[in-house]
Amino acid sequence: MMAVYFLEGSDPAQKDYVSDTMAGADPDIGLAVMADFLRWDVNASVSACPVPVGSINSADLLDKTGFDALKDDIEITLIEGVGHFLMMEKPGEFCERLKALA
């Protein structure tokens, strides 16, 4: 399952760390989180948010069509060459992009 969160050529130590950490977590908590995530209406949540919303994503993994309905309600920032854990793979660039959204 973890393979989809990383790009080919990602740091093997980071992949192992994330995989080991997630595998060591309580499965009941993981299942509850996934169930809540699948029920979450992101469009309603973003539209109802009273402050500007920003999202920093992997340019290589993001399905941009999922954000079409949100394009007027969210500022999307993309980072190239990273997987799902972009804050670990390019922490400096992630922090700069985060500061720019603030």
Protein backbone atom coordinates (compact mmCIF):
# COMPACT_ATOMS: atom_id res chain seq x y z
CA MET A 1 0.00 0.00 0.00
CA MET A 2 2.82 2.43 0.80
CA ALA A 3 4.23 2.28 -2.73
CA VAL A 4 1.54 4.67 -4.01
CA TYR A 5 2.71 7.37 -1.59
CA PHE A 6 6.25 7.56 -2.94
CA LEU A 7 7.79 8.20 -6.32
CA GLU A 8 10.24 5.87 -7.97
CA GLY A 9 13.64 6.91 -6.67
CA SER A 10 12.37 8.19 -3.31
CA ASP A 11 14.76 7.84 -0.38
CA PRO A 12 14.52 4.20 0.80
CA ALA A 13 15.18 5.22 4.43
CA GLN A 14 12.18 7.57 4.37
CA LYS A 15 10.00 4.89 2.78
CA ASP A 16 11.05 2.40 5.45
CA TYR A 17 10.49 4.90 8.27
CA VAL A 18 6.98 5.79 7.10
CA SER A 19 6.07 2.18 6.35
CA ASP A 20 7.37 0.91 9.70
CA THR A 21 5.66 3.71 11.62
CA MET A 22 2.32 3.13 9.92
CA ALA A 23 2.58 -0.64 10.25
CA GLY A 24 3.24 -0.24 13.98
CA ALA A 25 0.15 1.89 14.55
CA ASP A 26 -3.04 0.59 16.14
CA PRO A 27 -5.10 -0.84 13.23
CA ASP A 28 -8.39 0.18 14.88
CA ILE A 29 -7.29 3.82 14.79
CA GLY A 30 -6.15 3.51 11.18
CA LEU A 31 -9.47 1.98 10.14
CA ALA A 32 -11.44 4.68 11.98
CA VAL A 33 -9.40 7.43 10.33
CA MET A 34 -9.91 5.92 6.88
CA ALA A 35 -13.65 5.50 7.47
CA ASP A 36 -13.96 9.16 8.52
CA PHE A 37 -11.86 10.26 5.54
CA LEU A 38 -14.13 8.41 3.11
CA ARG A 39 -17.21 10.12 4.61
CA TRP A 40 -15.64 13.61 4.62
CA ASP A 41 -17.16 16.12 2.22
CA VAL A 42 -14.09 18.20 1.39
CA ASN A 43 -16.04 20.51 -0.92
CA ALA A 44 -18.51 21.44 1.82
CA SER A 45 -15.72 21.86 4.38
CA VAL A 46 -13.62 24.15 2.19
CA SER A 47 -16.62 26.17 1.00
CA ALA A 48 -17.78 26.71 4.59
CA CYS A 49 -14.36 27.76 5.87
CA PRO A 50 -14.43 31.45 6.88
CA VAL A 51 -10.73 32.01 6.12
CA PRO A 52 -8.67 31.45 2.95
CA VAL A 53 -7.64 27.82 2.42
CA GLY A 54 -4.31 26.75 0.97
CA SER A 55 -3.13 23.28 0.04
CA ILE A 56 0.44 22.19 -0.68
CA ASN A 57 0.55 19.06 -2.82
CA SER A 58 2.80 16.82 -4.85
CA ALA A 59 2.64 17.85 -8.50
CA ASP A 60 3.39 14.24 -9.37
CA LEU A 61 0.55 12.66 -7.36
CA LEU A 62 -2.25 15.22 -7.28
CA ASP A 63 -5.34 14.42 -9.30
CA LYS A 64 -6.08 17.99 -10.30
CA THR A 65 -9.58 17.12 -11.54
CA GLY A 66 -10.62 16.57 -7.92
CA PHE A 67 -9.91 20.23 -7.20
CA ASP A 68 -11.98 21.65 -10.07
CA ALA A 69 -14.99 22.29 -7.85
CA LEU A 70 -12.76 24.04 -5.31
CA LYS A 71 -10.73 26.26 -7.64
CA ASP A 72 -12.44 29.42 -6.40
CA ASP A 73 -12.17 28.43 -2.72
CA ILE A 74 -8.63 27.08 -2.36
CA GLU A 75 -5.10 28.13 -3.31
CA ILE A 76 -3.24 25.07 -4.57
CA THR A 77 0.55 25.07 -4.40
CA LEU A 78 2.44 22.26 -6.13
CA ILE A 79 5.92 20.88 -5.44
CA GLU A 80 7.63 18.84 -8.15
CA GLY A 81 9.51 15.59 -7.62
CA VAL A 82 7.96 14.48 -4.34
CA GLY A 83 5.41 11.93 -3.20
CA HIS A 84 2.72 12.21 -0.53
CA PHE A 85 5.18 13.00 2.27
CA LEU A 86 6.51 16.15 0.61
CA MET A 87 7.25 17.78 3.97
CA MET A 88 9.82 15.02 4.57
CA GLU A 89 11.17 14.80 1.03
CA LYS A 90 11.71 18.54 0.46
CA PRO A 91 11.33 20.14 3.91
CA GLY A 92 12.98 23.44 2.97
CA GLU A 93 10.80 24.01 -0.09
CA PHE A 94 7.71 22.86 1.82
CA CYS A 95 8.39 25.37 4.61
CA GLU A 96 8.93 28.20 2.13
CA ARG A 97 5.67 27.37 0.36
CA LEU A 98 3.88 27.16 3.72
CA LYS A 99 5.22 30.56 4.78
CA ALA A 100 4.05 32.01 1.46
CA LEU A 101 0.50 30.82 2.17
CA ALA A 102 0.43 32.40 5.63
